[in-house]
Amino acid sequence: MIVIKEPTAGCSSLERSTEISETVATIIRRVREEGDSAVRELSQRFDDWSPESFRLHDEEVRESTDRVPEADIEAISFSLSRFSGSPGHRRTL
């Protein structure tokens, strides 16, 4: 198993959960308010990646999704359906 990051010592699960929730809320707020400039800064910060454009052409999307195993697409679709807001509603990739 590869460990990407060890948990913070002396930090309870509840404290960590609160910290994560606050971080996610801040990211969402920034993207809503600042748009692409926030996406670019966060992408650079978290992924060390800042392409000229974040827009993909339809063909690029098809090529990318064609490489994703069907089981992964089903798992992602299921997860999205759990957060759709209405029972039985399913979003597709």
N, C-alpha and C. Protein backbone atom coordinates (compact mmCIF):
# COMPACT_ATOMS: atom_id res chain seq x y z
N MET A 1 0.84 -1.18 0.00
CA MET A 1 0.00 0.00 0.00
C MET A 1 0.89 1.25 0.00
N ILE A 2 0.49 2.22 -0.79
CA ILE A 2 1.21 3.48 -0.85
C ILE A 2 0.47 4.48 0.03
N VAL A 3 1.17 5.07 0.99
CA VAL A 3 0.59 6.08 1.86
C VAL A 3 0.96 7.44 1.30
N ILE A 4 -0.06 8.22 0.94
CA ILE A 4 0.19 9.54 0.37
C ILE A 4 0.46 10.56 1.46
N LYS A 5 -0.30 10.47 2.55
CA LYS A 5 -0.14 11.43 3.63
C LYS A 5 -0.58 10.77 4.93
N GLU A 6 0.22 10.90 5.95
CA GLU A 6 -0.10 10.35 7.26
C GLU A 6 -1.05 11.30 7.98
N PRO A 7 -1.94 10.77 8.83
CA PRO A 7 -2.83 11.65 9.60
C PRO A 7 -2.04 12.55 10.54
N THR A 8 -2.60 13.69 10.81
CA THR A 8 -1.97 14.64 11.71
C THR A 8 -2.00 14.09 13.14
N ALA A 9 -0.85 14.07 13.79
CA ALA A 9 -0.77 13.57 15.16
C ALA A 9 -1.56 14.46 16.10
N GLY A 10 -2.27 13.84 17.04
CA GLY A 10 -3.00 14.60 18.04
C GLY A 10 -4.27 15.25 17.52
N CYS A 11 -4.70 14.91 16.32
CA CYS A 11 -5.88 15.52 15.73
C CYS A 11 -6.98 14.46 15.67
N SER A 12 -8.11 14.73 16.31
CA SER A 12 -9.20 13.76 16.33
C SER A 12 -9.87 13.68 14.96
N SER A 13 -10.59 12.60 14.73
CA SER A 13 -11.32 12.43 13.47
C SER A 13 -12.32 13.55 13.26
N LEU A 14 -12.99 13.95 14.34
CA LEU A 14 -13.97 15.02 14.23
C LEU A 14 -13.29 16.34 13.86
N GLU A 15 -12.16 16.63 14.49
CA GLU A 15 -11.41 17.85 14.16
C GLU A 15 -10.96 17.81 12.70
N ARG A 16 -10.47 16.66 12.29
CA ARG A 16 -9.98 16.51 10.91
C ARG A 16 -11.13 16.65 9.92
N SER A 17 -12.26 16.04 10.26
CA SER A 17 -13.44 16.12 9.40
C SER A 17 -13.90 17.57 9.25
N THR A 18 -13.90 18.31 10.33
CA THR A 18 -14.29 19.72 10.31
C THR A 18 -13.32 20.52 9.45
N GLU A 19 -12.04 20.24 9.61
CA GLU A 19 -11.01 20.94 8.82
C GLU A 19 -11.20 20.66 7.33
N ILE A 20 -11.47 19.40 6.98
CA ILE A 20 -11.67 19.04 5.58
C ILE A 20 -12.91 19.73 5.03
N SER A 21 -14.00 19.72 5.79
CA SER A 21 -15.24 20.37 5.35
C SER A 21 -15.02 21.86 5.11
N GLU A 22 -14.28 22.50 5.98
CA GLU A 22 -14.00 23.94 5.82
C GLU A 22 -13.14 24.19 4.59
N THR A 23 -12.16 23.33 4.37
CA THR A 23 -11.29 23.47 3.19
C THR A 23 -12.10 23.31 1.91
N VAL A 24 -12.95 22.30 1.86
CA VAL A 24 -13.78 22.06 0.67
C VAL A 24 -14.73 23.23 0.44
N ALA A 25 -15.34 23.73 1.50
CA ALA A 25 -16.26 24.87 1.38
C ALA A 25 -15.52 26.09 0.84
N THR A 26 -14.30 26.30 1.28
CA THR A 26 -13.50 27.43 0.80
C THR A 26 -13.18 27.28 -0.68
N ILE A 27 -12.81 26.07 -1.08
CA ILE A 27 -12.50 25.81 -2.50
C ILE A 27 -13.73 26.07 -3.36
N ILE A 28 -14.88 25.55 -2.95
CA ILE A 28 -16.11 25.73 -3.72
C ILE A 28 -16.47 27.21 -3.81
N ARG A 29 -16.37 27.93 -2.69
CA ARG A 29 -16.67 29.35 -2.68
C ARG A 29 -15.75 30.10 -3.65
N ARG A 30 -14.46 29.79 -3.58
CA ARG A 30 -13.50 30.48 -4.46
C ARG A 30 -13.81 30.22 -5.93
N VAL A 31 -14.13 28.97 -6.27
CA VAL A 31 -14.42 28.66 -7.67
C VAL A 31 -15.69 29.38 -8.13
N ARG A 32 -16.70 29.43 -7.27
CA ARG A 32 -17.94 30.15 -7.62
C ARG A 32 -17.67 31.64 -7.80
N GLU A 33 -16.88 32.21 -6.93
CA GLU A 33 -16.65 33.66 -6.96
C GLU A 33 -15.60 34.07 -7.98
N GLU A 34 -14.53 33.28 -8.10
CA GLU A 34 -13.40 33.68 -8.93
C GLU A 34 -13.31 32.95 -10.26
N GLY A 35 -14.09 31.87 -10.41
CA GLY A 35 -14.12 31.14 -11.68
C GLY A 35 -12.79 30.52 -12.05
N ASP A 36 -12.45 30.67 -13.34
CA ASP A 36 -11.26 30.02 -13.89
C ASP A 36 -9.97 30.39 -13.18
N SER A 37 -9.87 31.61 -12.70
CA SER A 37 -8.61 32.00 -12.04
C SER A 37 -8.40 31.18 -10.77
N ALA A 38 -9.49 30.88 -10.05
CA ALA A 38 -9.37 30.03 -8.85
C ALA A 38 -9.03 28.60 -9.26
N VAL A 39 -9.68 28.09 -10.31
CA VAL A 39 -9.38 26.73 -10.78
C VAL A 39 -7.90 26.62 -11.15
N ARG A 40 -7.42 27.62 -11.85
CA ARG A 40 -6.01 27.60 -12.28
C ARG A 40 -5.07 27.60 -11.07
N GLU A 41 -5.33 28.48 -10.11
CA GLU A 41 -4.46 28.57 -8.93
C GLU A 41 -4.51 27.28 -8.11
N LEU A 42 -5.70 26.74 -7.92
CA LEU A 42 -5.85 25.50 -7.14
C LEU A 42 -5.25 24.30 -7.86
N SER A 43 -5.39 24.26 -9.17
CA SER A 43 -4.80 23.18 -9.94
C SER A 43 -3.27 23.21 -9.83
N GLN A 44 -2.72 24.40 -9.90
CA GLN A 44 -1.27 24.55 -9.74
C GLN A 44 -0.85 24.14 -8.33
N ARG A 45 -1.60 24.59 -7.34
CA ARG A 45 -1.27 24.30 -5.94
C ARG A 45 -1.35 22.81 -5.61
N PHE A 46 -2.46 22.18 -6.00
CA PHE A 46 -2.67 20.78 -5.62
C PHE A 46 -2.04 19.77 -6.57
N ASP A 47 -1.99 20.11 -7.86
CA ASP A 47 -1.54 19.14 -8.86
C ASP A 47 -0.29 19.54 -9.62
N ASP A 48 0.22 20.74 -9.34
CA ASP A 48 1.37 21.27 -10.08
C ASP A 48 1.09 21.22 -11.58
N TRP A 49 -0.14 21.63 -11.94
CA TRP A 49 -0.59 21.56 -13.33
C TRP A 49 -1.37 22.81 -13.67
N SER A 50 -0.97 23.50 -14.73
CA SER A 50 -1.64 24.72 -15.13
C SER A 50 -1.60 24.85 -16.65
N PRO A 51 -2.48 24.12 -17.33
CA PRO A 51 -2.48 24.16 -18.81
C PRO A 51 -2.98 25.52 -19.31
N GLU A 52 -2.75 25.78 -20.59
CA GLU A 52 -3.23 27.04 -21.18
C GLU A 52 -4.75 27.16 -21.06
N SER A 53 -5.43 26.03 -21.27
CA SER A 53 -6.89 26.03 -21.20
C SER A 53 -7.36 24.77 -20.47
N PHE A 54 -8.39 24.91 -19.68
CA PHE A 54 -8.99 23.77 -19.00
C PHE A 54 -10.16 23.20 -19.80
N ARG A 55 -10.49 23.84 -20.90
CA ARG A 55 -11.60 23.37 -21.75
C ARG A 55 -11.12 22.20 -22.61
N LEU A 56 -11.97 21.19 -22.69
CA LEU A 56 -11.69 20.04 -23.53
C LEU A 56 -12.70 20.00 -24.67
N HIS A 57 -12.23 19.64 -25.85
CA HIS A 57 -13.13 19.46 -26.98
C HIS A 57 -13.86 18.13 -26.79
N ASP A 58 -15.00 18.00 -27.43
CA ASP A 58 -15.81 16.78 -27.30
C ASP A 58 -14.98 15.52 -27.56
N GLU A 59 -14.14 15.57 -28.57
CA GLU A 59 -13.32 14.39 -28.90
C GLU A 59 -12.34 14.05 -27.78
N GLU A 60 -11.77 15.06 -27.14
CA GLU A 60 -10.85 14.82 -26.01
C GLU A 60 -11.59 14.16 -24.84
N VAL A 61 -12.83 14.60 -24.61
CA VAL A 61 -13.63 14.00 -23.54
C VAL A 61 -13.92 12.54 -23.88
N ARG A 62 -14.33 12.27 -25.12
CA ARG A 62 -14.61 10.88 -25.53
C ARG A 62 -13.38 10.00 -25.41
N GLU A 63 -12.24 10.50 -25.87
CA GLU A 63 -11.00 9.72 -25.78
C GLU A 63 -10.64 9.42 -24.33
N SER A 64 -10.82 10.39 -23.47
CA SER A 64 -10.50 10.20 -22.05
C SER A 64 -11.44 9.19 -21.40
N THR A 65 -12.73 9.36 -21.63
CA THR A 65 -13.69 8.45 -20.99
C THR A 65 -13.60 7.05 -21.57
N ASP A 66 -13.18 6.92 -22.81
CA ASP A 66 -13.02 5.59 -23.40
C ASP A 66 -11.93 4.79 -22.70
N ARG A 67 -10.99 5.47 -22.05
CA ARG A 67 -9.89 4.78 -21.36
C ARG A 67 -10.25 4.37 -19.93
N VAL A 68 -11.40 4.85 -19.44
CA VAL A 68 -11.81 4.52 -18.07
C VAL A 68 -12.54 3.18 -18.09
N PRO A 69 -12.13 2.23 -17.24
CA PRO A 69 -12.80 0.93 -17.20
C PRO A 69 -14.29 1.08 -16.88
N GLU A 70 -15.12 0.24 -17.49
CA GLU A 70 -16.57 0.30 -17.31
C GLU A 70 -16.96 0.21 -15.83
N ALA A 71 -16.27 -0.63 -15.07
CA ALA A 71 -16.59 -0.77 -13.64
C ALA A 71 -16.38 0.56 -12.91
N ASP A 72 -15.37 1.32 -13.29
CA ASP A 72 -15.12 2.62 -12.66
C ASP A 72 -16.22 3.62 -13.04
N ILE A 73 -16.64 3.60 -14.30
CA ILE A 73 -17.71 4.49 -14.74
C ILE A 73 -19.00 4.18 -13.98
N GLU A 74 -19.29 2.87 -13.80
CA GLU A 74 -20.48 2.48 -13.04
C GLU A 74 -20.39 2.96 -11.59
N ALA A 75 -19.22 2.83 -10.98
CA ALA A 75 -19.04 3.27 -9.60
C ALA A 75 -19.19 4.78 -9.48
N ILE A 76 -18.64 5.52 -10.43
CA ILE A 76 -18.75 6.98 -10.42
C ILE A 76 -20.21 7.38 -10.63
N SER A 77 -20.88 6.75 -11.58
CA SER A 77 -22.29 7.06 -11.85
C SER A 77 -23.15 6.78 -10.63
N PHE A 78 -22.88 5.66 -9.97
CA PHE A 78 -23.62 5.33 -8.76
C PHE A 78 -23.39 6.41 -7.70
N SER A 79 -22.14 6.80 -7.51
CA SER A 79 -21.83 7.83 -6.51
C SER A 79 -22.52 9.14 -6.84
N LEU A 80 -22.51 9.53 -8.09
CA LEU A 80 -23.19 10.76 -8.49
C LEU A 80 -24.68 10.67 -8.24
N SER A 81 -25.25 9.51 -8.48
CA SER A 81 -26.69 9.35 -8.28
C SER A 81 -27.07 9.50 -6.81
N ARG A 82 -26.17 9.19 -5.92
CA ARG A 82 -26.43 9.31 -4.48
C ARG A 82 -26.53 10.78 -4.05
N PHE A 83 -25.98 11.67 -4.85
CA PHE A 83 -25.96 13.10 -4.51
C PHE A 83 -26.79 13.94 -5.47
N SER A 84 -27.63 13.29 -6.26
CA SER A 84 -28.38 14.02 -7.28
C SER A 84 -29.51 14.85 -6.72
N GLY A 85 -29.96 14.52 -5.50
CA GLY A 85 -31.04 15.28 -4.90
C GLY A 85 -32.41 14.67 -5.12
N SER A 86 -32.52 13.70 -6.03
CA SER A 86 -33.80 13.05 -6.23
C SER A 86 -33.60 11.55 -6.39
N PRO A 87 -34.36 10.74 -5.66
CA PRO A 87 -34.21 9.29 -5.73
C PRO A 87 -34.45 8.80 -7.15
N GLY A 88 -33.61 7.87 -7.57
CA GLY A 88 -33.76 7.28 -8.90
C GLY A 88 -33.15 8.08 -10.03
N HIS A 89 -32.77 9.32 -9.76
CA HIS A 89 -32.15 10.15 -10.79
C HIS A 89 -30.71 9.70 -10.96
N ARG A 90 -30.32 9.46 -12.21
CA ARG A 90 -28.96 8.98 -12.46
C ARG A 90 -28.29 9.89 -13.46
N ARG A 91 -27.13 10.38 -13.09
CA ARG A 91 -26.32 11.18 -14.01
C ARG A 91 -25.36 10.25 -14.71
N THR A 92 -25.08 10.49 -15.96
CA THR A 92 -24.16 9.66 -16.71
C THR A 92 -22.92 10.46 -17.05
N LEU A 93 -21.84 9.74 -17.28
CA LEU A 93 -20.59 10.40 -17.67
C LEU A 93 -20.57 10.57 -19.16
